[in-house]
Amino acid sequence: IGLSTMSGFYPIHRAALGDGREVEKVIEFLLMQDPACASKTTNQHHFLPLHLVYDLNLTAVQLLFDAYPEAICANNEYGRTPLEIQVGRNSENSEVISFLENQ
């Protein structure tokens, strides 16, 4: 859980990218093993897991938010928050965008 790839991605980052099925269960497992992983494991570009929720469903996004609510205001290396990234991608996941807007 504490090992990262060469690019600085930890398992929680990979899960946040939506790799694999039943991603909510993977995120939940990782958070149970290390509750701080949602806040302390940023990759080389200062992306928190919540910055990477491009294709996640609302349940998975809520798990990450509940684990580290401060991530909602965190800027990545490019000065963007999780909401700004979602909107900038022209995401069709309006449920996630609405959730992020209302936090």
Protein backbone atom coordinates (compact mmCIF):
# COMPACT_ATOMS: atom_id res chain seq x y z
CA ILE A 1 0.00 0.00 0.00
CA GLY A 2 2.92 2.31 0.68
CA LEU A 3 4.89 1.50 -2.47
CA SER A 4 4.70 3.79 -5.47
CA THR A 5 5.50 3.45 -9.15
CA MET A 6 8.32 5.35 -10.84
CA SER A 7 5.85 8.16 -11.62
CA GLY A 8 4.83 8.39 -7.97
CA PHE A 9 1.47 6.68 -8.18
CA TYR A 10 0.41 4.70 -5.14
CA PRO A 11 -2.31 2.02 -5.22
CA ILE A 12 -4.92 4.58 -4.12
CA HIS A 13 -4.06 6.73 -7.17
CA ARG A 14 -4.44 3.74 -9.50
CA ALA A 15 -7.79 2.92 -7.90
CA ALA A 16 -8.92 6.54 -8.24
CA LEU A 17 -8.20 6.35 -11.95
CA GLY A 18 -10.88 3.67 -12.13
CA ASP A 19 -8.60 0.79 -13.01
CA GLY A 20 -10.55 -2.42 -12.78
CA ARG A 21 -14.02 -3.48 -11.75
CA GLU A 22 -15.60 -2.91 -8.38
CA VAL A 23 -13.31 0.05 -7.79
CA GLU A 24 -15.34 1.14 -4.75
CA LYS A 25 -14.35 -2.07 -2.98
CA VAL A 26 -10.70 -1.53 -3.84
CA ILE A 27 -10.79 2.07 -2.58
CA GLU A 28 -12.62 1.02 0.56
CA PHE A 29 -10.03 -1.72 1.21
CA LEU A 30 -7.10 0.65 0.69
CA LEU A 31 -8.64 3.23 3.02
CA MET A 32 -9.27 0.59 5.69
CA GLN A 33 -5.60 -0.45 5.49
CA ASP A 34 -4.32 3.13 5.62
CA PRO A 35 -6.91 5.86 6.22
CA ALA A 36 -4.31 8.54 5.55
CA CYS A 37 -3.57 7.34 2.02
CA ALA A 38 -6.25 9.68 0.63
CA SER A 39 -4.31 12.66 1.97
CA LYS A 40 -0.63 11.80 2.18
CA THR A 41 0.11 9.89 -0.96
CA THR A 42 0.38 12.51 -3.67
CA ASN A 43 2.26 11.68 -6.84
CA GLN A 44 4.98 13.78 -8.44
CA HIS A 45 2.47 16.32 -9.80
CA HIS A 46 0.79 16.80 -6.43
CA PHE A 47 -2.36 14.99 -7.47
CA LEU A 48 -4.39 13.66 -4.59
CA PRO A 49 -6.61 10.69 -5.36
CA LEU A 50 -9.62 13.02 -5.59
CA HIS A 51 -7.90 14.88 -8.46
CA LEU A 52 -7.91 11.65 -10.48
CA VAL A 53 -11.56 10.62 -10.32
CA TYR A 54 -12.13 11.00 -14.05
CA ASP A 55 -14.41 8.01 -14.53
CA LEU A 56 -15.40 7.01 -11.02
CA ASN A 57 -18.96 6.70 -9.86
CA LEU A 58 -20.34 8.84 -7.07
CA THR A 59 -19.91 6.17 -4.39
CA ALA A 60 -16.16 5.92 -5.03
CA VAL A 61 -15.81 9.72 -5.07
CA GLN A 62 -17.68 9.98 -1.76
CA LEU A 63 -15.34 7.42 -0.18
CA LEU A 64 -12.31 9.49 -1.15
CA PHE A 65 -13.94 12.74 -0.06
CA ASP A 66 -15.02 11.32 3.29
CA ALA A 67 -11.49 10.08 3.93
CA TYR A 68 -9.94 13.50 3.24
CA PRO A 69 -12.48 16.32 2.79
CA GLU A 70 -9.72 18.93 2.55
CA ALA A 71 -8.81 17.50 -0.87
CA ILE A 72 -11.76 19.38 -2.35
CA CYS A 73 -9.77 22.64 -2.06
CA ALA A 74 -6.33 21.24 -2.81
CA ASN A 75 -4.50 22.46 -5.88
CA ASN A 76 -2.37 20.15 -7.96
CA GLU A 77 0.93 21.23 -9.52
CA TYR A 78 -1.05 23.11 -12.17
CA GLY A 79 -3.15 25.02 -9.62
CA ARG A 80 -6.35 23.06 -10.26
CA THR A 81 -8.79 21.61 -7.75
CA PRO A 82 -10.62 18.30 -8.27
CA LEU A 83 -13.75 20.19 -9.41
CA GLU A 84 -11.80 22.32 -11.90
CA ILE A 85 -10.29 19.17 -13.38
CA GLN A 86 -13.70 17.52 -13.78
CA VAL A 87 -15.24 20.60 -15.39
CA GLY A 88 -12.15 21.14 -17.58
CA ARG A 89 -12.42 17.62 -18.93
CA ASN A 90 -15.99 18.32 -20.06
CA SER A 91 -16.92 15.35 -17.94
CA GLU A 92 -20.30 13.84 -18.58
CA ASN A 93 -20.38 12.64 -15.00
CA SER A 94 -22.75 15.37 -13.82
CA GLU A 95 -23.47 13.48 -10.60
CA VAL A 96 -19.81 13.72 -9.55
CA ILE A 97 -19.53 17.36 -10.65
CA SER A 98 -22.65 18.25 -8.68
CA PHE A 99 -21.28 16.47 -5.61
CA LEU A 100 -17.93 18.29 -5.84
CA GLU A 101 -19.67 21.66 -6.37
CA ASN A 102 -21.76 21.23 -3.25
CA GLN A 103 -18.90 20.47 -0.88
